[in-house]
C-alpha atoms as a PDB file:
ATOM      1  CA  MET A   1      43.441  85.301 -10.340  1.00  0.00           C
ATOM      2  CA  ASN A   2      41.465  82.838  -8.235  1.00  0.00           C
ATOM      3  CA  SER A   3      37.967  83.887  -7.367  1.00  0.00           C
ATOM      4  CA  VAL A   4      37.046  83.501  -3.734  1.00  0.00           C
ATOM      5  CA  TYR A   5      33.521  82.554  -2.748  1.00  0.00           C
ATOM      6  CA  LEU A   6      31.935  84.970  -0.310  1.00  0.00           C
ATOM      7  CA  PRO A   7      28.483  84.527   1.161  1.00  0.00           C
ATOM      8  CA  PRO A   8      25.821  87.162   0.478  1.00  0.00           C
ATOM      9  CA  LYS A   9      26.345  90.599   1.977  1.00  0.00           C
ATOM     10  CA  ILE A  10      23.454  91.807   4.081  1.00  0.00           C
ATOM     11  CA  ALA A  11      24.984  95.181   4.969  1.00  0.00           C
ATOM     12  CA  THR A  12      27.943  97.394   4.134  1.00  0.00           C
ATOM     13  CA  LEU A  13      28.873 100.316   6.375  1.00  0.00           C
ATOM     14  CA  LYS A  14      31.379 103.131   5.753  1.00  0.00           C
ATOM     15  CA  HIS A  15      32.531 105.865   8.082  1.00  0.00           C
ATOM     16  CA  SER A  16      31.265 109.131   6.612  1.00  0.00           C
ATOM     17  CA  SER A  17      34.070 111.462   7.671  1.00  0.00           C
ATOM     18  CA  THR A  18      36.997 109.044   7.355  1.00  0.00           C
ATOM     19  CA  PRO A  19      36.541 106.799   4.294  1.00  0.00           C
ATOM     20  CA  TYR A  20      40.146 105.538   4.614  1.00  0.00           C
ATOM     21  CA  ARG A  21      38.894 103.419   7.527  1.00  0.00           C
ATOM     22  CA  GLY A  22      37.475 101.033   4.963  1.00  0.00           C
ATOM     23  CA  GLU A  23      34.184  99.186   5.315  1.00  0.00           C
ATOM     24  CA  TRP A  24      32.428  96.876   7.707  1.00  0.00           C
ATOM     25  CA  ILE A  25      30.652  94.190   5.699  1.00  0.00           C
ATOM     26  CA  ILE A  26      28.126  91.862   7.326  1.00  0.00           C
ATOM     27  CA  TYR A  27      27.750  88.493   5.608  1.00  0.00           C
ATOM     28  CA  GLN A  28      25.055  85.838   6.069  1.00  0.00           C
ATOM     29  CA  PHE A  29      26.073  82.196   5.799  1.00  0.00           C
ATOM     30  CA  ALA A  30      23.722  79.361   4.845  1.00  0.00           C
ATOM     31  CA  SER A  31      23.734  78.002   8.390  1.00  0.00           C
ATOM     32  CA  ARG A  32      22.099  81.221   9.684  1.00  0.00           C
ATOM     33  CA  GLU A  33      25.406  82.425  11.048  1.00  0.00           C
ATOM     34  CA  TYR A  34      26.599  85.949  10.449  1.00  0.00           C
ATOM     35  CA  LYS A  35      30.031  87.510  10.330  1.00  0.00           C
ATOM     36  CA  ALA A  36      31.086  91.157  10.301  1.00  0.00           C
ATOM     37  CA  ILE A  37      34.421  91.790   8.603  1.00  0.00           C
ATOM     38  CA  HIS A  38      36.284  95.097   8.714  1.00  0.00           C
ATOM     39  CA  GLU A  39      38.151  95.563   5.421  1.00  0.00           C
ATOM     40  CA  VAL A  40      40.636  98.353   4.702  1.00  0.00           C
ATOM     41  CA  PRO A  41      42.000  99.379   1.286  1.00  0.00           C
ATOM     42  CA  GLN A  42      45.698  98.760   0.649  1.00  0.00           C
ATOM     43  CA  GLN A  43      48.034 100.828  -1.531  1.00  0.00           C
ATOM     44  CA  ASN A  44      47.979  98.160  -4.250  1.00  0.00           C
ATOM     45  CA  GLY A  45      44.182  98.479  -4.528  1.00  0.00           C
ATOM     46  CA  GLU A  46      43.383  95.232  -2.761  1.00  0.00           C
ATOM     47  CA  ARG A  47      41.424  95.040   0.474  1.00  0.00           C
ATOM     48  CA  LYS A  48      42.685  93.532   3.709  1.00  0.00           C
ATOM     49  CA  ALA A  49      40.510  92.110   6.496  1.00  0.00           C
ATOM     50  CA  VAL A  50      41.776  93.619   9.744  1.00  0.00           C
ATOM     51  CA  GLU A  51      39.016  92.486  12.088  1.00  0.00           C
ATOM     52  CA  SER A  52      36.295  89.853  12.108  1.00  0.00           C
ATOM     53  CA  ILE A  53      33.384  89.303  14.492  1.00  0.00           C
ATOM     54  CA  SER A  54      31.052  86.298  14.571  1.00  0.00           C
ATOM     55  CA  LEU A  55      27.390  87.116  15.148  1.00  0.00           C
ATOM     56  CA  SER A  56      24.922  84.424  16.175  1.00  0.00           C
ATOM     57  CA  SER A  57      21.656  85.852  14.821  1.00  0.00           C
ATOM     58  CA  ILE A  58      20.121  88.481  12.556  1.00  0.00           C
ATOM     59  CA  ALA A  59      19.162  90.423  15.681  1.00  0.00           C
ATOM     60  CA  GLU A  60      22.779  90.471  16.803  1.00  0.00           C
ATOM     61  CA  ALA A  61      23.855  91.585  13.300  1.00  0.00           C
ATOM     62  CA  GLN A  62      21.305  94.431  13.422  1.00  0.00           C
ATOM     63  CA  SER A  63      22.462  95.383  16.905  1.00  0.00           C
ATOM     64  CA  PHE A  64      26.107  95.460  15.777  1.00  0.00           C
ATOM     65  CA  SER A  65      25.142  97.605  12.781  1.00  0.00           C
ATOM     66  CA  GLY A  66      23.400 100.022  15.167  1.00  0.00           C
ATOM     67  CA  TYR A  67      26.457 100.056  17.417  1.00  0.00           C
ATOM     68  CA  LEU A  68      28.662 101.019  14.455  1.00  0.00           C
ATOM     69  CA  GLY A  69      26.104 103.698  13.512  1.00  0.00           C
ATOM     70  CA  SER A  70      26.525 105.311  16.918  1.00  0.00           C
ATOM     71  CA  TYR A  71      30.203 105.859  16.020  1.00  0.00           C
ATOM     72  CA  GLY A  72      29.582 107.477  12.634  1.00  0.00           C
ATOM     73  CA  TRP A  73      29.413 104.430  10.360  1.00  0.00           C
ATOM     74  CA  GLN A  74      26.624 104.644   7.772  1.00  0.00           C
ATOM     75  CA  ARG A  75      24.986 101.979   5.671  1.00  0.00           C
ATOM     76  CA  VAL A  76      25.867 101.990   1.984  1.00  0.00           C
ATOM     77  CA  TRP A  77      23.192 100.715  -0.397  1.00  0.00           C
ATOM     78  CA  ASP A  78      24.459  98.549  -3.229  1.00  0.00           C
ATOM     79  CA  LEU A  79      21.807  98.951  -5.899  1.00  0.00           C
ATOM     80  CA  LYS A  80      22.466  96.979  -9.045  1.00  0.00           C
END
């Protein structure tokens, strides 16, 4: 299996009452660009990106996260 490089996650959001909707993951790229990707689980266990939004700043990423929060999406903390 080939490993795919992904930039660092800065936020992961899940919908509390409908976890089958997958996750919104916000990534930060080295060039200070941000991208929010909506991933949904597939029957084979893999995840599929169904939507992607480019965000131009950290403020826009925070605003988008707040927008998702107003529709029931909650931040998931990845503590390792």
